[in-house]
Protein backbone atom coordinates (compact mmCIF):
# COMPACT_ATOMS: atom_id res chain seq x y z
CA MET A 1 112.38 101.94 142.74
CA GLU A 2 110.82 102.00 139.27
CA ILE A 3 111.43 105.00 137.04
CA SER A 4 107.70 105.74 137.16
CA GLU A 5 108.11 106.32 140.82
CA MET A 6 110.96 108.79 140.45
CA ASN A 7 110.44 112.58 140.33
CA MET A 8 110.73 113.37 136.63
CA ASP A 9 111.64 117.00 137.38
CA ALA A 10 114.86 115.91 139.29
CA VAL A 11 117.91 117.34 137.41
CA LEU A 12 121.15 115.81 136.22
CA CYS A 13 124.02 116.53 138.69
CA TYR A 14 126.62 113.75 138.13
CA VAL A 15 127.58 111.12 135.57
CA SER A 16 130.01 108.30 135.88
CA GLU A 17 130.59 105.10 133.94
CA GLY A 18 127.04 104.62 132.63
CA LYS A 19 125.33 105.96 135.72
CA ALA A 20 123.48 109.24 135.87
CA TYR A 21 122.48 110.89 139.14
CA PHE A 22 119.60 113.30 139.49
CA THR A 23 118.67 115.62 142.40
CA THR A 24 115.44 117.26 143.46
CA LYS A 25 117.63 119.88 145.28
CA LEU A 26 118.59 123.06 143.47
CA LEU A 27 121.54 122.11 141.24
CA LYS A 28 123.70 124.93 142.67
CA ASP A 29 123.11 123.56 146.15
CA GLN A 30 123.75 119.92 145.39
CA TRP A 31 127.22 118.66 146.39
CA GLY A 32 129.42 115.58 146.72
CA ASP A 33 132.81 114.71 148.03
CA ASP A 34 135.59 116.56 146.08
CA TRP A 35 133.15 118.08 143.59
CA ASN A 36 135.48 121.13 143.41
CA ASP A 37 138.54 119.06 142.45
CA ALA A 38 139.79 118.37 138.95
CA PRO A 39 140.12 115.94 137.38
CA TYR A 40 136.65 114.91 138.57
CA GLU A 41 137.00 111.33 137.30
CA HIS A 42 139.81 110.68 139.82
CA ASN A 43 138.50 112.73 142.75
CA ALA A 44 134.72 113.12 142.85
CA GLU A 45 132.35 110.81 144.63
CA THR A 46 128.65 110.35 143.98
CA PRO A 47 126.24 113.07 145.18
CA TYR A 48 125.53 113.41 148.88
CA LYS A 49 122.17 111.99 149.89
CA ALA A 50 119.85 113.64 152.42
CA ASN A 51 121.06 113.12 156.01
CA GLU A 52 118.76 112.87 159.03
CA SER A 53 121.37 114.48 161.15
CA PHE A 54 124.70 116.15 160.45
CA THR A 55 127.10 118.59 162.04
CA HIS A 56 128.35 121.62 160.13
CA PHE A 57 130.06 124.87 160.95
CA ILE A 58 128.40 128.33 160.66
CA ASP A 59 130.56 131.30 161.41
CA GLY A 60 133.13 129.05 163.08
CA LYS A 61 130.60 127.53 165.44
CA MET A 62 129.43 123.91 165.29
CA ALA A 63 125.75 123.43 164.56
CA GLN A 64 123.44 120.48 164.04
CA GLY A 65 121.40 120.15 160.92
CA SER A 66 119.01 117.88 159.05
CA ASP A 67 117.86 117.33 155.51
CA TYR A 68 114.62 115.74 156.86
CA THR A 69 111.31 117.21 157.98
CA ASN A 70 108.78 115.05 159.84
CA GLY A 71 110.90 111.91 159.06
CA LYS A 72 111.02 112.48 155.32
CA PRO A 73 113.91 113.81 153.20
CA ASN A 74 113.53 117.38 151.91
CA TRP A 75 115.18 116.31 148.68
CA GLU A 76 116.14 113.09 146.95
CA ILE A 77 118.88 111.66 144.76
CA TYR A 78 117.94 109.25 141.99
CA CYS A 79 120.36 107.08 140.02
CA VAL A 80 119.80 105.40 136.70
CA HIS A 81 122.01 103.27 134.49
CA PHE A 82 122.07 104.15 130.87
CA ASP A 83 123.51 102.49 127.82
CA ALA A 84 124.31 104.83 124.89
CA ASP A 85 127.30 105.57 122.74
CA LEU A 86 128.04 108.95 124.41
CA ASN A 87 131.20 110.47 125.87
CA GLU A 88 131.80 112.02 129.24
CA PRO A 89 134.14 115.05 129.66
CA CYS A 90 136.93 112.67 130.81
CA ASP A 91 136.76 110.32 127.78
CA GLY A 92 139.84 110.41 125.55
CA CYS A 93 142.20 111.85 128.18
CA THR A 94 144.13 110.60 131.18
CA ASN A 95 143.16 113.60 133.39
CA SER A 96 140.46 115.98 132.38
CA GLU A 97 140.62 119.59 133.35
CA TYR A 98 137.15 119.60 134.84
CA SER A 99 135.62 119.35 138.26
CA VAL A 100 131.97 118.35 138.89
CA GLU A 101 131.37 121.88 140.08
CA MET A 102 132.60 123.23 136.67
CA ILE A 103 130.46 120.70 134.69
CA ASN A 104 127.42 121.52 136.80
CA LYS A 105 128.04 125.22 135.97
CA LYS A 106 127.78 124.12 132.33
CA VAL A 107 131.40 124.78 131.33
CA VAL A 108 131.00 121.48 129.35
CA PRO A 109 128.10 119.07 128.99
CA TRP A 110 128.00 115.86 130.98
CA LEU A 111 127.43 113.73 127.82
CA VAL A 112 128.07 114.31 124.08
CA ALA A 113 127.82 112.23 120.97
CA PRO A 114 131.23 111.10 119.72
CA GLY A 115 132.57 113.00 116.67
CA TYR A 116 132.23 109.98 114.34
CA ASN A 117 128.51 109.66 115.03
CA LYS A 118 126.20 111.52 112.60
CA LYS A 119 123.66 112.06 115.36
CA VAL A 120 124.19 115.23 117.43
CA LEU A 121 123.44 115.05 121.15
CA SER A 122 124.58 117.03 124.13
CA ILE A 123 123.20 116.60 127.69
CA SER A 124 124.22 119.13 130.25
CA ALA A 125 123.81 119.45 134.03
CA GLY A 126 120.31 120.48 135.00
CA CYS A 127 118.64 118.29 132.39
CA PRO A 128 115.43 116.88 133.91
CA LEU A 129 115.16 113.15 134.29
CA SER A 130 112.18 113.00 131.89
CA SER A 131 114.19 114.80 129.18
CA PHE A 132 117.25 112.62 129.87
CA ILE A 133 115.17 109.52 129.25
CA GLU A 134 113.67 110.88 126.08
CA LEU A 135 117.06 112.01 124.71
CA ILE A 136 118.81 108.68 125.42
CA GLN A 137 116.01 106.74 123.85
CA GLU A 138 115.79 109.01 120.78
CA TYR A 139 119.54 108.55 120.43
CA GLY A 140 119.04 104.75 120.40
CA GLY A 141 120.06 104.05 123.96
CA GLU A 142 118.38 102.65 127.01
CA VAL A 143 117.80 103.79 130.59
CA TYR A 144 117.52 101.41 133.58
CA ALA A 145 116.16 102.26 136.99
CA LYS A 146 118.34 100.18 139.21
CA CYS A 147 121.58 101.81 140.36
CA ASP A 148 123.61 100.29 143.21
CA ALA A 149 121.98 100.42 146.64
CA LEU A 150 120.43 103.90 146.23
CA HIS A 151 117.12 102.46 145.14
CA GLU A 152 116.29 98.80 144.97
CA SER A 153 114.19 97.49 142.13
CA LYS A 154 111.86 94.66 143.07
CA ASP A 155 111.52 93.34 139.53
CA ASP A 156 112.88 93.70 136.06
CA ASN A 157 109.71 94.26 134.05
CA ASN A 158 109.58 96.99 131.37
CA VAL A 159 107.89 100.20 132.43
CA GLY A 160 106.88 102.69 129.71
CA GLY A 161 109.64 101.48 127.43
CA VAL A 162 112.28 101.90 130.05
CA LYS A 163 113.72 98.87 131.75
CA ASN A 164 113.83 98.75 135.55
CA GLU A 165 116.97 96.72 136.01
CA ARG A 166 120.18 96.54 134.03
CA LYS A 167 121.15 93.13 132.88
CA ASP A 168 124.85 92.73 132.07
């Protein structure tokens, strides 16, 4: 999927090792495995994607649910690679004191410029994808659309100054 095909209003909900994840779900409702456990960098998994069918418990009773309506997901997760000299909350320590839940409640930002850099930048949970791209580019970094198997990019051409595929 090319960046131009992504919902630019999707908001930042998770960052790990140069990958940023965005959701079209309300940030407070987005979740992933162990998002309430600290340190997040050793416990948390990527955000949950929409499921066509799942089982959950309501008032102690098992119930079926779905994140789909008429065969289409009610919300989406987008993942982009980025390359910028920025620090995550876990950088510089063995075990951070933060969970994803805490970071998404804006206890700390997901990304900050390192202290030695004269440019000031802070990107918090809830940042729209469009703003994330602008901020990373203004900071001198790059954003790439391809991220694991979440969304497959068919080519690696440049779209709007943002590359569609990371080349390592």
